[in-house]
Amino acid sequence: MKKTYFISDLHLGANYITDHRAHEARVIAFLDSIRDDAGQLFLLGDILDYWFEYKNVVPRGHIRFFGALARLADAGVRITWMTGNHDVWLFDYLRDEIGLTVLKGHQTVDIEGHRFLISHGDDVGVQPFMYRFTRWCFYNPVCQWLYAAIHPRWTHAVAKGWSASNRTRRRPALPPEKHRSPAIDRLCDFVRQHEQTEHCEHYVFGHLHVTLQEQVADTDATMTILGEWIRRDTYAVFDGETLKLLKFQR
């Protein structure tokens, strides 16, 4: 039986990553390692640290990564890319060139007879007002049209600088596995609320840059937060019965 893989928050191209080539090589090594036993691959957002896809041109970079995705697709692996807050402006280029599916917002899917809710994690639960407003702007077609009218030399620099500033400012003082943030509790609240109307065995999220797998209190559901590939290199794999959270060892 083919396996289903979940990965998120690679942040390829981020300014705060020292060795971009080595970072990309680790990701590619992982993708190449799953080619023979993967049936599906879910990319749960923030795969690229910044991406704005214009109508007739695309940003430079990430060629080896895109090539690794193309090899998986050519081998028959179904790839689903759920956009996050960093790669929200992914439209039809990779869909048409590679053959993957692009989704925006959380989805419920059946995998080998098991019900999953999958999301980047920024579109579920209670979010701060300014975050919800910013997210609305990112998804608004008029805002996207206005943003596209600005020359990329300005938008690219501002977006990459903003990303680096946010990552430096929000890095927790404690190691993430010891840092139970309110954002995790908000996800648990979302799971409990969702379970009242629709049962899912597994809830899989990215976004928070922590690795966590636990049964949510007062439910029969398991919540998995995938971690990131800046320092952790973590992912999840479902073999048809069990969802495991693992660390890639190259």
Protein backbone atom coordinates (compact mmCIF):
# COMPACT_ATOMS: atom_id res chain seq x y z
CA MET A 1 0.00 0.00 0.00
CA LYS A 2 1.27 3.44 -0.93
CA LYS A 3 1.82 5.95 1.87
CA THR A 4 0.63 9.53 2.28
CA TYR A 5 3.16 12.18 3.33
CA PHE A 6 2.58 15.60 4.91
CA ILE A 7 5.13 18.39 5.07
CA SER A 8 4.95 22.14 5.71
CA ASP A 9 6.88 25.32 6.43
CA LEU A 10 9.96 24.72 4.32
CA HIS A 11 10.37 28.50 3.82
CA LEU A 12 12.61 27.98 0.82
CA GLY A 13 14.44 31.20 -0.08
CA ALA A 14 14.04 32.89 3.32
CA ASN A 15 16.57 35.63 4.06
CA TYR A 16 17.29 34.21 7.52
CA ILE A 17 18.48 30.85 6.12
CA THR A 18 22.25 31.00 5.77
CA ASP A 19 22.90 28.29 3.17
CA HIS A 20 20.04 28.23 0.67
CA ARG A 21 21.57 25.50 -1.48
CA ALA A 22 22.07 23.12 1.47
CA HIS A 23 18.55 23.84 2.73
CA GLU A 24 17.03 23.06 -0.66
CA ALA A 25 19.21 19.95 -0.99
CA ARG A 26 17.81 18.51 2.28
CA VAL A 27 14.28 19.00 1.03
CA ILE A 28 15.08 17.43 -2.33
CA ALA A 29 16.76 14.45 -0.65
CA PHE A 30 13.56 13.89 1.32
CA LEU A 31 11.36 14.12 -1.77
CA ASP A 32 13.58 11.72 -3.69
CA SER A 33 13.55 9.29 -0.74
CA ILE A 34 9.75 8.91 -0.79
CA ARG A 35 9.31 8.51 -4.56
CA ASP A 36 8.95 4.72 -4.53
CA ASP A 37 6.43 4.34 -1.67
CA ALA A 38 4.45 7.60 -1.80
CA GLY A 39 0.94 7.65 -3.18
CA GLN A 40 0.16 11.20 -2.09
CA LEU A 41 2.09 14.22 -0.88
CA PHE A 42 0.42 17.12 0.90
CA LEU A 43 2.37 20.37 1.09
CA LEU A 44 0.64 22.31 3.85
CA GLY A 45 1.75 25.83 3.13
CA ASP A 46 4.71 28.19 3.55
CA ILE A 47 6.67 25.91 1.26
CA LEU A 48 8.24 29.02 -0.27
CA ASP A 49 9.06 31.95 1.97
CA TYR A 50 7.76 34.34 -0.69
CA TRP A 51 6.08 33.83 -4.02
CA PHE A 52 4.07 36.14 -6.22
CA GLU A 53 2.94 34.62 -9.47
CA TYR A 54 2.34 37.17 -12.18
CA LYS A 55 0.21 36.38 -15.24
CA ASN A 56 3.11 35.85 -17.63
CA VAL A 57 6.24 35.64 -15.46
CA VAL A 58 7.27 33.82 -12.28
CA PRO A 59 10.00 34.58 -9.71
CA ARG A 60 13.47 33.14 -10.18
CA GLY A 61 14.83 30.35 -8.01
CA HIS A 62 13.70 26.99 -6.60
CA ILE A 63 14.35 25.15 -9.87
CA ARG A 64 15.81 22.03 -8.25
CA PHE A 65 12.90 21.85 -5.81
CA PHE A 66 10.35 22.21 -8.59
CA GLY A 67 12.23 19.53 -10.50
CA ALA A 68 11.96 17.15 -7.53
CA LEU A 69 8.21 17.76 -7.40
CA ALA A 70 7.98 17.10 -11.12
CA ARG A 71 9.82 13.78 -10.69
CA LEU A 72 7.31 12.76 -8.04
CA ALA A 73 4.38 13.76 -10.22
CA ASP A 74 5.85 11.89 -13.20
CA ALA A 75 6.18 8.81 -10.96
CA GLY A 76 2.44 8.93 -10.28
CA VAL A 77 2.46 10.64 -6.87
CA ARG A 78 -0.56 12.91 -6.36
CA ILE A 79 0.67 16.24 -5.01
CA THR A 80 -1.58 18.74 -3.25
CA TRP A 81 -0.19 22.16 -2.32
CA MET A 82 -2.27 24.04 0.24
CA THR A 83 -1.20 27.66 0.31
CA GLY A 84 -0.05 29.29 3.54
CA ASN A 85 0.44 32.90 4.50
CA HIS A 86 3.82 33.08 2.72
CA ASP A 87 2.90 31.35 -0.55
CA VAL A 88 -0.70 32.56 -0.77
CA TRP A 89 -0.13 33.97 -4.26
CA LEU A 90 0.36 30.60 -5.88
CA PHE A 91 -2.08 30.28 -8.77
CA ASP A 92 -1.88 28.12 -11.91
CA TYR A 93 1.80 28.00 -12.95
CA LEU A 94 2.87 24.94 -10.95
CA ARG A 95 -0.55 23.38 -11.39
CA ASP A 96 -0.14 23.47 -15.16
CA GLU A 97 3.62 22.80 -15.38
CA ILE A 98 3.92 20.01 -12.81
CA GLY A 99 0.38 18.69 -12.55
CA LEU A 100 -0.19 19.30 -8.86
CA THR A 101 -3.38 20.54 -7.19
CA VAL A 102 -3.46 23.96 -5.51
CA LEU A 103 -5.94 24.45 -2.66
CA LYS A 104 -6.67 27.49 -0.52
CA GLY A 105 -8.18 27.05 2.93
CA HIS A 106 -8.71 23.97 5.06
CA GLN A 107 -10.09 20.79 3.51
CA THR A 108 -11.51 17.50 4.73
CA VAL A 109 -10.30 14.47 2.79
CA ASP A 110 -10.66 10.70 2.99
CA ILE A 111 -7.39 8.75 2.91
CA GLU A 112 -7.67 4.97 2.83
CA GLY A 113 -11.06 5.18 4.54
CA HIS A 114 -9.88 7.55 7.28
CA ARG A 115 -11.15 11.12 7.63
CA PHE A 116 -8.59 13.94 7.78
CA LEU A 117 -8.93 17.70 8.14
CA ILE A 118 -5.83 19.37 6.74
CA SER A 119 -4.89 23.04 6.84
CA HIS A 120 -1.89 25.30 6.90
CA GLY A 121 -3.29 26.34 10.26
CA ASP A 122 -3.80 30.07 9.79
CA ASP A 123 -7.40 29.84 8.55
CA VAL A 124 -8.93 27.89 11.45
CA GLY A 125 -9.72 28.83 15.01
CA VAL A 126 -9.75 32.31 16.50
CA GLN A 127 -7.07 34.57 15.03
CA PRO A 128 -6.10 38.10 16.11
CA PHE A 129 -7.96 40.86 14.27
CA MET A 130 -4.91 42.32 12.52
CA TYR A 131 -3.89 38.87 11.28
CA ARG A 132 -7.41 38.25 9.91
CA PHE A 133 -7.38 41.68 8.23
CA THR A 134 -3.96 41.07 6.67
CA ARG A 135 -5.06 37.65 5.45
CA TRP A 136 -8.17 39.19 3.91
CA CYS A 137 -5.99 41.68 2.03
CA PHE A 138 -3.74 38.89 0.75
CA TYR A 139 -6.70 36.96 -0.66
CA ASN A 140 -8.63 39.95 -2.00
CA PRO A 141 -8.52 40.07 -5.85
CA VAL A 142 -8.41 43.87 -5.95
CA CYS A 143 -5.49 43.99 -3.50
CA GLN A 144 -3.71 41.32 -5.53
CA TRP A 145 -4.23 43.35 -8.73
CA LEU A 146 -2.89 46.51 -7.12
CA TYR A 147 0.10 44.66 -5.66
CA ALA A 148 0.93 43.16 -9.06
CA ALA A 149 1.11 46.67 -10.51
CA ILE A 150 4.08 47.55 -8.28
CA HIS A 151 7.49 46.71 -9.73
CA PRO A 152 8.87 43.41 -8.32
CA ARG A 153 12.14 45.06 -7.27
CA TRP A 154 10.12 46.78 -4.53
CA THR A 155 7.57 44.13 -3.61
CA HIS A 156 10.13 41.33 -3.42
CA ALA A 157 12.48 43.27 -1.16
CA VAL A 158 9.70 44.43 1.17
CA ALA A 159 8.12 40.97 1.45
CA LYS A 160 11.40 39.17 2.15
CA GLY A 161 12.44 41.79 4.70
CA TRP A 162 9.06 41.60 6.46
CA SER A 163 9.31 37.82 6.64
CA ALA A 164 12.80 37.93 8.15
CA SER A 165 11.75 40.56 10.68
CA ASN A 166 8.70 38.56 11.79
CA ARG A 167 10.67 35.35 12.17
CA THR A 168 13.34 37.02 14.31
CA ARG A 169 10.80 38.83 16.49
CA ARG A 170 8.51 35.83 17.07
CA ARG A 171 11.11 33.16 17.80
CA PRO A 172 10.18 31.77 21.26
CA ALA A 173 12.63 32.01 24.13
CA LEU A 174 12.01 28.35 25.03
CA PRO A 175 12.55 25.42 22.66
CA PRO A 176 9.24 24.90 20.77
CA GLU A 177 8.62 21.45 22.30
CA LYS A 178 8.58 23.15 25.76
CA HIS A 179 6.61 26.16 24.60
CA ARG A 180 2.84 25.61 24.84
CA SER A 181 1.62 28.71 23.05
CA PRO A 182 -1.94 30.08 23.07
CA ALA A 183 -2.01 29.35 19.31
CA ILE A 184 -1.86 25.60 20.04
CA ASP A 185 -4.75 25.92 22.47
CA ARG A 186 -6.74 27.79 19.81
CA LEU A 187 -6.23 24.88 17.42
CA CYS A 188 -7.43 22.47 20.11
CA ASP A 189 -10.52 24.62 20.60
CA PHE A 190 -11.15 24.53 16.85
CA VAL A 191 -10.86 20.73 16.80
CA ARG A 192 -13.34 20.36 19.67
CA GLN A 193 -15.79 22.72 17.96
CA HIS A 194 -15.43 20.99 14.58
CA GLU A 195 -15.96 17.58 16.16
CA GLN A 196 -19.45 18.67 17.25
CA THR A 197 -20.59 18.76 13.61
CA GLU A 198 -18.20 16.47 11.72
CA HIS A 199 -15.86 13.79 13.05
CA CYS A 200 -12.34 13.53 11.67
CA GLU A 201 -9.83 11.04 12.98
CA HIS A 202 -6.89 13.30 12.23
CA TYR A 203 -6.33 17.07 12.14
CA VAL A 204 -3.04 18.02 10.49
CA PHE A 205 -1.67 21.57 10.64
CA GLY A 206 1.49 23.53 9.88
CA HIS A 207 2.17 27.23 10.47
CA LEU A 208 3.23 27.20 14.13
CA HIS A 209 6.75 25.78 13.61
CA VAL A 210 6.32 23.31 16.48
CA THR A 211 6.18 19.52 16.36
CA LEU A 212 3.26 18.08 18.26
CA GLN A 213 1.02 15.03 18.10
CA GLU A 214 -1.65 14.45 20.72
CA GLN A 215 -5.23 13.37 21.23
CA VAL A 216 -7.31 16.46 21.77
CA ALA A 217 -9.06 16.44 25.14
CA ASP A 218 -12.78 15.56 25.09
CA THR A 219 -12.55 14.14 21.55
CA ASP A 220 -11.52 10.98 19.73
CA ALA A 221 -9.40 13.03 17.31
CA THR A 222 -5.64 13.31 17.02
CA MET A 223 -4.01 16.65 16.22
CA THR A 224 -0.64 16.73 14.48
CA ILE A 225 1.41 19.90 13.97
CA LEU A 226 4.12 19.25 11.42
CA GLY A 227 6.99 21.46 12.58
CA GLU A 228 9.29 23.08 10.00
CA TRP A 229 12.40 22.59 7.87
CA ILE A 230 14.49 25.51 9.10
CA ARG A 231 15.96 23.53 12.00
CA ARG A 232 13.78 20.43 12.50
CA ASP A 233 13.26 18.65 9.14
CA THR A 234 10.06 16.98 10.37
CA TYR A 235 7.16 15.44 8.47
CA ALA A 236 4.24 13.05 8.95
CA VAL A 237 3.47 9.82 7.11
CA PHE A 238 0.24 7.80 7.05
CA ASP A 239 0.50 4.12 6.14
CA GLY A 240 -3.22 3.45 5.95
CA GLU A 241 -3.60 2.82 9.69
CA THR A 242 -1.21 5.01 11.68
CA LEU A 243 -0.10 8.62 11.28
CA LYS A 244 3.47 9.08 12.50
CA LEU A 245 5.38 12.31 13.06
CA LEU A 246 9.02 11.76 12.08
CA LYS A 247 12.32 13.55 11.55
CA PHE A 248 14.11 13.16 8.23
CA GLN A 249 17.59 11.69 8.59
CA ARG A 250 19.54 12.23 5.42
